[in-house]
Structure formats: C-alpha cells, structure tokens
PDB file of all heavy atoms in Angstrom:
ATOM      1  N   ASP A   1     -63.427  12.940 -58.731  1.00  0.00           N
ATOM      2  CA  ASP A   1     -62.750  14.216 -58.989  1.00  0.00           C
ATOM      3  C   ASP A   1     -63.718  15.339 -59.337  1.00  0.00           C
ATOM      4  O   ASP A   1     -63.275  16.430 -59.700  1.00  0.00           O
ATOM      5  CB  ASP A   1     -61.743  14.049 -60.139  1.00  0.00           C
ATOM      6  CG  ASP A   1     -60.645  13.055 -59.801  1.00  0.00           C
ATOM      7  OD1 ASP A   1     -60.288  12.939 -58.600  1.00  0.00           O
ATOM      8  OD2 ASP A   1     -60.145  12.388 -60.730  1.00  0.00           O
ATOM      9  N   ALA A   2     -65.006  15.080 -59.255  1.00  0.00           N
ATOM     10  CA  ALA A   2     -65.992  16.103 -59.598  1.00  0.00           C
ATOM     11  C   ALA A   2     -65.892  17.285 -58.638  1.00  0.00           C
ATOM     12  O   ALA A   2     -65.611  17.128 -57.450  1.00  0.00           O
ATOM     13  CB  ALA A   2     -67.398  15.515 -59.553  1.00  0.00           C
ATOM     14  N   SER A   3     -66.151  18.461 -59.189  1.00  0.00           N
ATOM     15  CA  SER A   3     -66.128  19.672 -58.363  1.00  0.00           C
ATOM     16  C   SER A   3     -67.353  19.695 -57.451  1.00  0.00           C
ATOM     17  O   SER A   3     -68.337  18.985 -57.701  1.00  0.00           O
ATOM     18  CB  SER A   3     -66.146  20.903 -59.266  1.00  0.00           C
ATOM     19  OG  SER A   3     -67.418  21.046 -59.888  1.00  0.00           O
ATOM     20  N   PRO A   4     -67.323  20.524 -56.415  1.00  0.00           N
ATOM     21  CA  PRO A   4     -68.517  20.653 -55.558  1.00  0.00           C
ATOM     22  C   PRO A   4     -69.757  21.072 -56.360  1.00  0.00           C
ATOM     23  O   PRO A   4     -70.855  20.580 -56.094  1.00  0.00           O
ATOM     24  CB  PRO A   4     -68.111  21.716 -54.539  1.00  0.00           C
ATOM     25  CG  PRO A   4     -66.619  21.589 -54.446  1.00  0.00           C
ATOM     26  CD  PRO A   4     -66.174  21.252 -55.846  1.00  0.00           C
ATOM     27  N   PHE A   5     -69.573  21.952 -57.350  1.00  0.00           N
ATOM     28  CA  PHE A   5     -70.704  22.356 -58.201  1.00  0.00           C
ATOM     29  C   PHE A   5     -71.261  21.155 -58.959  1.00  0.00           C
ATOM     30  O   PHE A   5     -72.475  20.960 -59.028  1.00  0.00           O
ATOM     31  CB  PHE A   5     -70.271  23.453 -59.185  1.00  0.00           C
ATOM     32  CG  PHE A   5     -71.315  23.734 -60.228  1.00  0.00           C
ATOM     33  CD1 PHE A   5     -72.442  24.478 -59.915  1.00  0.00           C
ATOM     34  CD2 PHE A   5     -71.183  23.246 -61.530  1.00  0.00           C
ATOM     35  CE1 PHE A   5     -73.422  24.722 -60.868  1.00  0.00           C
ATOM     36  CE2 PHE A   5     -72.148  23.489 -62.486  1.00  0.00           C
ATOM     37  CZ  PHE A   5     -73.275  24.228 -62.155  1.00  0.00           C
ATOM     38  N   GLN A   6     -70.380  20.348 -59.537  1.00  0.00           N
ATOM     39  CA  GLN A   6     -70.822  19.180 -60.299  1.00  0.00           C
ATOM     40  C   GLN A   6     -71.537  18.176 -59.401  1.00  0.00           C
ATOM     41  O   GLN A   6     -72.549  17.596 -59.793  1.00  0.00           O
ATOM     42  CB  GLN A   6     -69.634  18.525 -61.004  1.00  0.00           C
ATOM     43  CG  GLN A   6     -69.064  19.370 -62.122  1.00  0.00           C
ATOM     44  CD  GLN A   6     -67.714  18.883 -62.605  1.00  0.00           C
ATOM     45  OE1 GLN A   6     -67.040  18.086 -61.946  1.00  0.00           O
ATOM     46  NE2 GLN A   6     -67.299  19.381 -63.766  1.00  0.00           N
ATOM     47  N   ARG A   7     -71.022  17.989 -58.195  1.00  0.00           N
ATOM     48  CA  ARG A   7     -71.668  17.069 -57.257  1.00  0.00           C
ATOM     49  C   ARG A   7     -73.063  17.579 -56.870  1.00  0.00           C
ATOM     50  O   ARG A   7     -74.026  16.802 -56.815  1.00  0.00           O
ATOM     51  CB  ARG A   7     -70.814  16.883 -56.012  1.00  0.00           C
ATOM     52  CG  ARG A   7     -69.567  16.066 -56.263  1.00  0.00           C
ATOM     53  CD  ARG A   7     -68.681  16.042 -55.002  1.00  0.00           C
ATOM     54  NE  ARG A   7     -67.474  15.307 -55.256  1.00  0.00           N
ATOM     55  CZ  ARG A   7     -67.343  13.992 -55.057  1.00  0.00           C
ATOM     56  NH1 ARG A   7     -68.349  13.292 -54.604  1.00  0.00           N
ATOM     57  NH2 ARG A   7     -66.203  13.386 -55.318  1.00  0.00           N
ATOM     58  N   ALA A   8     -73.163  18.865 -56.611  1.00  0.00           N
ATOM     59  CA  ALA A   8     -74.461  19.448 -56.247  1.00  0.00           C
ATOM     60  C   ALA A   8     -75.436  19.365 -57.423  1.00  0.00           C
ATOM     61  O   ALA A   8     -76.610  18.993 -57.234  1.00  0.00           O
ATOM     62  CB  ALA A   8     -74.282  20.894 -55.798  1.00  0.00           C
ATOM     63  N   LEU A   9     -74.961  19.691 -58.618  1.00  0.00           N
ATOM     64  CA  LEU A   9     -75.813  19.620 -59.809  1.00  0.00           C
ATOM     65  C   LEU A   9     -76.256  18.177 -60.042  1.00  0.00           C
ATOM     66  O   LEU A   9     -77.421  17.920 -60.383  1.00  0.00           O
ATOM     67  CB  LEU A   9     -75.079  20.168 -61.033  1.00  0.00           C
ATOM     68  CG  LEU A   9     -75.857  20.173 -62.347  1.00  0.00           C
ATOM     69  CD1 LEU A   9     -77.175  20.943 -62.209  1.00  0.00           C
ATOM     70  CD2 LEU A   9     -74.992  20.771 -63.456  1.00  0.00           C
ATOM     71  N   HIS A  10     -75.362  17.243 -59.840  1.00  0.00           N
ATOM     72  CA  HIS A  10     -75.704  15.833 -59.992  1.00  0.00           C
ATOM     73  C   HIS A  10     -76.811  15.436 -59.017  1.00  0.00           C
ATOM     74  O   HIS A  10     -77.805  14.806 -59.398  1.00  0.00           O
ATOM     75  CB  HIS A  10     -74.458  14.958 -59.772  1.00  0.00           C
ATOM     76  CG  HIS A  10     -74.736  13.499 -59.850  1.00  0.00           C
ATOM     77  ND1 HIS A  10     -75.014  12.746 -58.725  1.00  0.00           N
ATOM     78  CD2 HIS A  10     -74.807  12.652 -60.908  1.00  0.00           C
ATOM     79  CE1 HIS A  10     -75.235  11.497 -59.096  1.00  0.00           C
ATOM     80  NE2 HIS A  10     -75.113  11.413 -60.410  1.00  0.00           N
ATOM     81  N   LEU A  11     -76.670  15.811 -57.751  1.00  0.00           N
ATOM     82  CA  LEU A  11     -77.665  15.442 -56.749  1.00  0.00           C
ATOM     83  C   LEU A  11     -79.022  16.092 -57.041  1.00  0.00           C
ATOM     84  O   LEU A  11     -80.070  15.441 -56.936  1.00  0.00           O
ATOM     85  CB  LEU A  11     -77.190  15.809 -55.344  1.00  0.00           C
ATOM     86  CG  LEU A  11     -78.092  15.342 -54.203  1.00  0.00           C
ATOM     87  CD1 LEU A  11     -78.311  13.834 -54.248  1.00  0.00           C
ATOM     88  CD2 LEU A  11     -77.507  15.761 -52.876  1.00  0.00           C
ATOM     89  N   VAL A  12     -79.008  17.358 -57.418  1.00  0.00           N
ATOM     90  CA  VAL A  12     -80.268  18.033 -57.768  1.00  0.00           C
ATOM     91  C   VAL A  12     -80.917  17.334 -58.955  1.00  0.00           C
ATOM     92  O   VAL A  12     -82.133  17.097 -58.968  1.00  0.00           O
ATOM     93  CB  VAL A  12     -80.014  19.534 -58.071  1.00  0.00           C
ATOM     94  CG1 VAL A  12     -81.217  20.171 -58.741  1.00  0.00           C
ATOM     95  CG2 VAL A  12     -79.658  20.279 -56.785  1.00  0.00           C
ATOM     96  N   THR A  13     -80.121  16.960 -59.948  1.00  0.00           N
ATOM     97  CA  THR A  13     -80.650  16.289 -61.127  1.00  0.00           C
ATOM     98  C   THR A  13     -81.205  14.908 -60.769  1.00  0.00           C
ATOM     99  O   THR A  13     -82.259  14.506 -61.284  1.00  0.00           O
ATOM    100  CB  THR A  13     -79.561  16.193 -62.218  1.00  0.00           C
ATOM    101  OG1 THR A  13     -79.086  17.519 -62.494  1.00  0.00           O
ATOM    102  CG2 THR A  13     -80.100  15.593 -63.493  1.00  0.00           C
ATOM    103  N   VAL A  14     -80.533  14.191 -59.877  1.00  0.00           N
ATOM    104  CA  VAL A  14     -81.052  12.898 -59.410  1.00  0.00           C
ATOM    105  C   VAL A  14     -82.401  13.102 -58.728  1.00  0.00           C
ATOM    106  O   VAL A  14     -83.343  12.331 -58.942  1.00  0.00           O
ATOM    107  CB  VAL A  14     -80.049  12.204 -58.457  1.00  0.00           C
ATOM    108  CG1 VAL A  14     -80.707  11.062 -57.692  1.00  0.00           C
ATOM    109  CG2 VAL A  14     -78.846  11.701 -59.229  1.00  0.00           C
ATOM    110  N   MET A  15     -82.521  14.127 -57.900  1.00  0.00           N
ATOM    111  CA  MET A  15     -83.785  14.370 -57.195  1.00  0.00           C
ATOM    112  C   MET A  15     -84.898  14.770 -58.177  1.00  0.00           C
ATOM    113  O   MET A  15     -86.058  14.371 -58.000  1.00  0.00           O
ATOM    114  CB  MET A  15     -83.603  15.430 -56.106  1.00  0.00           C
ATOM    115  CG  MET A  15     -82.666  14.981 -54.981  1.00  0.00           C
ATOM    116  SD  MET A  15     -83.019  13.332 -54.324  1.00  0.00           S
ATOM    117  CE  MET A  15     -84.659  13.551 -53.683  1.00  0.00           C
ATOM    118  N   LEU A  16     -84.554  15.551 -59.203  1.00  0.00           N
ATOM    119  CA  LEU A  16     -85.553  15.897 -60.227  1.00  0.00           C
ATOM    120  C   LEU A  16     -86.009  14.643 -60.967  1.00  0.00           C
ATOM    121  O   LEU A  16     -87.210  14.461 -61.225  1.00  0.00           O
ATOM    122  CB  LEU A  16     -84.981  16.916 -61.208  1.00  0.00           C
ATOM    123  CG  LEU A  16     -84.767  18.327 -60.666  1.00  0.00           C
ATOM    124  CD1 LEU A  16     -83.919  19.154 -61.622  1.00  0.00           C
ATOM    125  CD2 LEU A  16     -86.110  19.005 -60.399  1.00  0.00           C
ATOM    126  N   ALA A  17     -85.076  13.768 -61.301  1.00  0.00           N
ATOM    127  CA  ALA A  17     -85.422  12.512 -61.976  1.00  0.00           C
ATOM    128  C   ALA A  17     -86.258  11.619 -61.057  1.00  0.00           C
ATOM    129  O   ALA A  17     -87.177  10.930 -61.518  1.00  0.00           O
ATOM    130  CB  ALA A  17     -84.164  11.792 -62.444  1.00  0.00           C
ATOM    131  N   THR A  18     -85.962  11.638 -59.763  1.00  0.00           N
ATOM    132  CA  THR A  18     -86.753  10.873 -58.796  1.00  0.00           C
ATOM    133  C   THR A  18     -88.192  11.379 -58.771  1.00  0.00           C
ATOM    134  O   THR A  18     -89.144  10.593 -58.804  1.00  0.00           O
ATOM    135  CB  THR A  18     -86.125  10.974 -57.392  1.00  0.00           C
ATOM    136  OG1 THR A  18     -84.816  10.416 -57.438  1.00  0.00           O
ATOM    137  CG2 THR A  18     -86.958  10.259 -56.344  1.00  0.00           C
ATOM    138  N   GLY A  19     -88.340  12.701 -58.711  1.00  0.00           N
ATOM    139  CA  GLY A  19     -89.685  13.282 -58.734  1.00  0.00           C
ATOM    140  C   GLY A  19     -90.422  12.969 -60.021  1.00  0.00           C
ATOM    141  O   GLY A  19     -91.621  12.642 -60.002  1.00  0.00           O
ATOM    142  N   ALA A  20     -89.720  13.049 -61.147  1.00  0.00           N
ATOM    143  CA  ALA A  20     -90.341  12.723 -62.437  1.00  0.00           C
ATOM    144  C   ALA A  20     -90.789  11.273 -62.463  1.00  0.00           C
ATOM    145  O   ALA A  20     -91.895  10.958 -62.918  1.00  0.00           O
ATOM    146  CB  ALA A  20     -89.361  13.009 -63.579  1.00  0.00           C
ATOM    147  N   THR A  21     -89.952  10.379 -61.953  1.00  0.00           N
ATOM    148  CA  THR A  21     -90.303   8.962 -61.918  1.00  0.00           C
ATOM    149  C   THR A  21     -91.553   8.735 -61.069  1.00  0.00           C
ATOM    150  O   THR A  21     -92.470   8.013 -61.475  1.00  0.00           O
ATOM    151  CB  THR A  21     -89.123   8.130 -61.362  1.00  0.00           C
ATOM    152  OG1 THR A  21     -87.988   8.316 -62.201  1.00  0.00           O
ATOM    153  CG2 THR A  21     -89.474   6.660 -61.293  1.00  0.00           C
ATOM    154  N   ALA A  22     -91.593   9.352 -59.906  1.00  0.00           N
ATOM    155  CA  ALA A  22     -92.753   9.199 -59.016  1.00  0.00           C
ATOM    156  C   ALA A  22     -94.032   9.700 -59.689  1.00  0.00           C
ATOM    157  O   ALA A  22     -95.069   9.031 -59.660  1.00  0.00           O
ATOM    158  CB  ALA A  22     -92.513   9.934 -57.702  1.00  0.00           C
ATOM    159  N   LEU A  23     -93.955  10.869 -60.304  1.00  0.00           N
ATOM    160  CA  LEU A  23     -95.146  11.455 -60.923  1.00  0.00           C
ATOM    161  C   LEU A  23     -95.585  10.703 -62.184  1.00  0.00           C
ATOM    162  O   LEU A  23     -96.780  10.554 -62.434  1.00  0.00           O
ATOM    163  CB  LEU A  23     -94.898  12.924 -61.250  1.00  0.00           C
ATOM    164  CG  LEU A  23     -94.858  13.847 -60.033  1.00  0.00           C
ATOM    165  CD1 LEU A  23     -94.229  15.185 -60.390  1.00  0.00           C
ATOM    166  CD2 LEU A  23     -96.256  14.038 -59.466  1.00  0.00           C
ATOM    167  N   LEU A  24     -94.618  10.241 -62.977  1.00  0.00           N
ATOM    168  CA  LEU A  24     -94.970   9.567 -64.225  1.00  0.00           C
ATOM    169  C   LEU A  24     -95.451   8.136 -64.009  1.00  0.00           C
ATOM    170  O   LEU A  24     -96.117   7.576 -64.886  1.00  0.00           O
ATOM    171  CB  LEU A  24     -93.789   9.596 -65.194  1.00  0.00           C
ATOM    172  CG  LEU A  24     -93.420  10.987 -65.722  1.00  0.00           C
ATOM    173  CD1 LEU A  24     -92.124  10.933 -66.513  1.00  0.00           C
ATOM    174  CD2 LEU A  24     -94.549  11.573 -66.559  1.00  0.00           C
ATOM    175  N   THR A  25     -95.137   7.547 -62.873  1.00  0.00           N
ATOM    176  CA  THR A  25     -95.623   6.197 -62.586  1.00  0.00           C
ATOM    177  C   THR A  25     -96.861   6.201 -61.686  1.00  0.00           C
ATOM    178  O   THR A  25     -97.554   5.187 -61.584  1.00  0.00           O
ATOM    179  CB  THR A  25     -94.525   5.318 -61.944  1.00  0.00           C
ATOM    180  OG1 THR A  25     -94.044   5.961 -60.761  1.00  0.00           O
ATOM    181  CG2 THR A  25     -93.379   5.077 -62.917  1.00  0.00           C
ATOM    182  N   ALA A  26     -97.154   7.322 -61.059  1.00  0.00           N
ATOM    183  CA  ALA A  26     -98.318   7.413 -60.164  1.00  0.00           C
ATOM    184  C   ALA A  26     -99.633   7.047 -60.861  1.00  0.00           C
ATOM    185  O   ALA A  26    -100.461   6.350 -60.253  1.00  0.00           O
ATOM    186  CB  ALA A  26     -98.406   8.801 -59.543  1.00  0.00           C
ATOM    187  N   PRO A  27     -99.875   7.473 -62.118  1.00  0.00           N
ATOM    188  CA  PRO A  27    -101.155   7.100 -62.737  1.00  0.00           C
ATOM    189  C   PRO A  27    -101.368   5.585 -62.830  1.00  0.00           C
ATOM    190  O   PRO A  27    -102.496   5.110 -62.645  1.00  0.00           O
ATOM    191  CB  PRO A  27    -101.061   7.722 -64.144  1.00  0.00           C
ATOM    192  CG  PRO A  27    -100.172   8.906 -63.944  1.00  0.00           C
ATOM    193  CD  PRO A  27     -99.138   8.429 -62.945  1.00  0.00           C
ATOM    194  N   ALA A  28    -100.320   4.825 -63.075  1.00  0.00           N
ATOM    195  CA  ALA A  28    -100.468   3.367 -63.129  1.00  0.00           C
ATOM    196  C   ALA A  28    -100.839   2.823 -61.750  1.00  0.00           C
ATOM    197  O   ALA A  28    -101.693   1.933 -61.633  1.00  0.00           O
ATOM    198  CB  ALA A  28     -99.178   2.727 -63.633  1.00  0.00           C
ATOM    199  N   ALA A  29    -100.228   3.354 -60.711  1.00  0.00           N
ATOM    200  CA  ALA A  29    -100.554   2.915 -59.348  1.00  0.00           C
ATOM    201  C   ALA A  29    -101.991   3.288 -58.983  1.00  0.00           C
ATOM    202  O   ALA A  29    -102.731   2.469 -58.415  1.00  0.00           O
ATOM    203  CB  ALA A  29     -99.571   3.525 -58.346  1.00  0.00           C
TER     204      ALA A  29
END
C-alpha cells in the first residue's frame, strides 16, 4: 500500500545502503 513516493524513497535508500556497504567493505577486500 506504499505510495509511489514511498516506493521511490525506499529504492533510493536501498541503493544508498548498497553503495555504503560496497565502500565500507572494500578496504577488507
């Protein structure tokens, strides 16, 4: 039942978290 805005905000936030995960784990790799 999420609004289009909520869905878009959710996806953008997921992508930001994905980028953060990649960058914060890169030094170990």
